[in-house]
């Protein structure tokens, strides 16, 4: 009885690992794909590989974007 229970437990963890690993790869592939539905003006340039930046550059990227948006709105263009 102990051997079938051990095999069942090992099989369960193998299936869970396989499913989670497959889901992780599908999510990573979905993030890197550029939607084809976007107009040509909204597509990133071919040289923009890995954009927007990830890791430690991401926070400065977001902060610079908010600063640019704040400067744009403070000049009264959006009103």
C-alpha atoms as a PDB file:
ATOM      1  CA  UNK A   1       0.000   0.000   0.000  1.00  0.00           C
ATOM      2  CA  UNK A   2       2.884   2.345   0.689  1.00  0.00           C
ATOM      3  CA  UNK A   3       4.450   1.930  -2.770  1.00  0.00           C
ATOM      4  CA  UNK A   4       1.267   2.870  -4.717  1.00  0.00           C
ATOM      5  CA  UNK A   5       0.747   5.862  -2.421  1.00  0.00           C
ATOM      6  CA  UNK A   6       4.336   7.011  -2.985  1.00  0.00           C
ATOM      7  CA  UNK A   7       3.960   6.607  -6.771  1.00  0.00           C
ATOM      8  CA  UNK A   8       0.692   8.529  -6.712  1.00  0.00           C
ATOM      9  CA  UNK A   9       2.285  11.355  -4.706  1.00  0.00           C
ATOM     10  CA  UNK A  10       5.317  11.599  -7.008  1.00  0.00           C
ATOM     11  CA  UNK A  11       3.035  11.509 -10.062  1.00  0.00           C
ATOM     12  CA  UNK A  12       0.860  14.270  -8.628  1.00  0.00           C
ATOM     13  CA  UNK A  13       3.821  16.583  -8.032  1.00  0.00           C
ATOM     14  CA  UNK A  14       5.224  15.800 -11.493  1.00  0.00           C
ATOM     15  CA  UNK A  15       1.910  16.783 -13.135  1.00  0.00           C
ATOM     16  CA  UNK A  16       1.591  19.956 -11.063  1.00  0.00           C
ATOM     17  CA  UNK A  17       5.155  20.972 -11.958  1.00  0.00           C
ATOM     18  CA  UNK A  18       4.533  20.219 -15.641  1.00  0.00           C
ATOM     19  CA  UNK A  19       1.320  22.292 -15.697  1.00  0.00           C
ATOM     20  CA  UNK A  20       2.847  25.268 -13.870  1.00  0.00           C
ATOM     21  CA  UNK A  21       5.949  25.236 -16.046  1.00  0.00           C
ATOM     22  CA  UNK A  22       3.811  25.173 -19.198  1.00  0.00           C
ATOM     23  CA  UNK A  23       1.651  28.046 -17.942  1.00  0.00           C
ATOM     24  CA  UNK A  24       4.756  30.111 -17.157  1.00  0.00           C
ATOM     25  CA  UNK A  25       6.106  29.642 -20.687  1.00  0.00           C
ATOM     26  CA  UNK A  26       2.738  30.510 -22.248  1.00  0.00           C
ATOM     27  CA  UNK A  27       2.521  33.695 -20.168  1.00  0.00           C
ATOM     28  CA  UNK A  28       6.063  34.701 -21.094  1.00  0.00           C
ATOM     29  CA  UNK A  29       5.316  34.130 -24.786  1.00  0.00           C
ATOM     30  CA  UNK A  30       2.099  36.148 -24.552  1.00  0.00           C
ATOM     31  CA  UNK A  31       3.926  39.093 -22.983  1.00  0.00           C
ATOM     32  CA  UNK A  32       6.639  39.257 -25.651  1.00  0.00           C
ATOM     33  CA  UNK A  33       4.278  39.068 -28.635  1.00  0.00           C
ATOM     34  CA  UNK A  34       3.294  42.363 -30.253  1.00  0.00           C
ATOM     35  CA  UNK A  35      -0.375  42.469 -31.207  1.00  0.00           C
ATOM     36  CA  UNK A  36      -0.849  42.666 -34.965  1.00  0.00           C
ATOM     37  CA  UNK A  37      -4.094  44.615 -34.571  1.00  0.00           C
ATOM     38  CA  UNK A  38      -2.278  47.860 -33.717  1.00  0.00           C
ATOM     39  CA  UNK A  39      -1.934  50.551 -36.375  1.00  0.00           C
ATOM     40  CA  UNK A  40       1.546  51.115 -37.793  1.00  0.00           C
ATOM     41  CA  UNK A  41       1.963  54.359 -35.817  1.00  0.00           C
ATOM     42  CA  UNK A  42       1.396  52.525 -32.508  1.00  0.00           C
ATOM     43  CA  UNK A  43       3.829  49.655 -33.125  1.00  0.00           C
ATOM     44  CA  UNK A  44       7.287  49.904 -31.522  1.00  0.00           C
ATOM     45  CA  UNK A  45      10.257  50.378 -33.843  1.00  0.00           C
ATOM     46  CA  UNK A  46      12.236  47.313 -34.860  1.00  0.00           C
ATOM     47  CA  UNK A  47      15.181  48.502 -32.747  1.00  0.00           C
ATOM     48  CA  UNK A  48      13.080  48.454 -29.543  1.00  0.00           C
ATOM     49  CA  UNK A  49      14.014  44.932 -28.476  1.00  0.00           C
ATOM     50  CA  UNK A  50      13.168  44.326 -24.826  1.00  0.00           C
ATOM     51  CA  UNK A  51      11.190  47.535 -24.443  1.00  0.00           C
ATOM     52  CA  UNK A  52       9.821  48.623 -21.991  1.00  0.00           C
ATOM     53  CA  UNK A  53      12.808  47.868 -19.783  1.00  0.00           C
ATOM     54  CA  UNK A  54      12.512  45.371 -17.008  1.00  0.00           C
ATOM     55  CA  UNK A  55      14.379  44.922 -13.763  1.00  0.00           C
ATOM     56  CA  UNK A  56      15.897  47.943 -12.068  1.00  0.00           C
ATOM     57  CA  UNK A  57      15.360  50.205 -15.097  1.00  0.00           C
ATOM     58  CA  UNK A  58      11.578  49.785 -14.934  1.00  0.00           C
ATOM     59  CA  UNK A  59      10.980  52.162 -12.013  1.00  0.00           C
ATOM     60  CA  UNK A  60      12.957  54.986 -13.639  1.00  0.00           C
ATOM     61  CA  UNK A  61      11.071  54.334 -16.888  1.00  0.00           C
ATOM     62  CA  UNK A  62       7.725  54.705 -15.105  1.00  0.00           C
ATOM     63  CA  UNK A  63       8.889  57.728 -13.083  1.00  0.00           C
ATOM     64  CA  UNK A  64      10.100  59.500 -16.233  1.00  0.00           C
ATOM     65  CA  UNK A  65       6.773  58.755 -17.915  1.00  0.00           C
ATOM     66  CA  UNK A  66       4.801  60.233 -15.021  1.00  0.00           C
ATOM     67  CA  UNK A  67       7.092  63.282 -14.926  1.00  0.00           C
ATOM     68  CA  UNK A  68       6.556  63.851 -18.656  1.00  0.00           C
ATOM     69  CA  UNK A  69       2.794  63.441 -18.245  1.00  0.00           C
ATOM     70  CA  UNK A  70       2.768  65.860 -15.314  1.00  0.00           C
ATOM     71  CA  UNK A  71       4.760  68.423 -17.303  1.00  0.00           C
ATOM     72  CA  UNK A  72       2.368  68.048 -20.232  1.00  0.00           C
ATOM     73  CA  UNK A  73      -0.710  68.508 -18.060  1.00  0.00           C
ATOM     74  CA  UNK A  74       0.768  71.443 -16.120  1.00  0.00           C
ATOM     75  CA  UNK A  75       1.280  73.436 -19.325  1.00  0.00           C
ATOM     76  CA  UNK A  76      -2.456  73.443 -19.985  1.00  0.00           C
ATOM     77  CA  UNK A  77      -2.452  71.468 -23.235  1.00  0.00           C
ATOM     78  CA  UNK A  78      -5.005  68.939 -21.988  1.00  0.00           C
ATOM     79  CA  UNK A  79      -7.628  71.563 -21.024  1.00  0.00           C
END
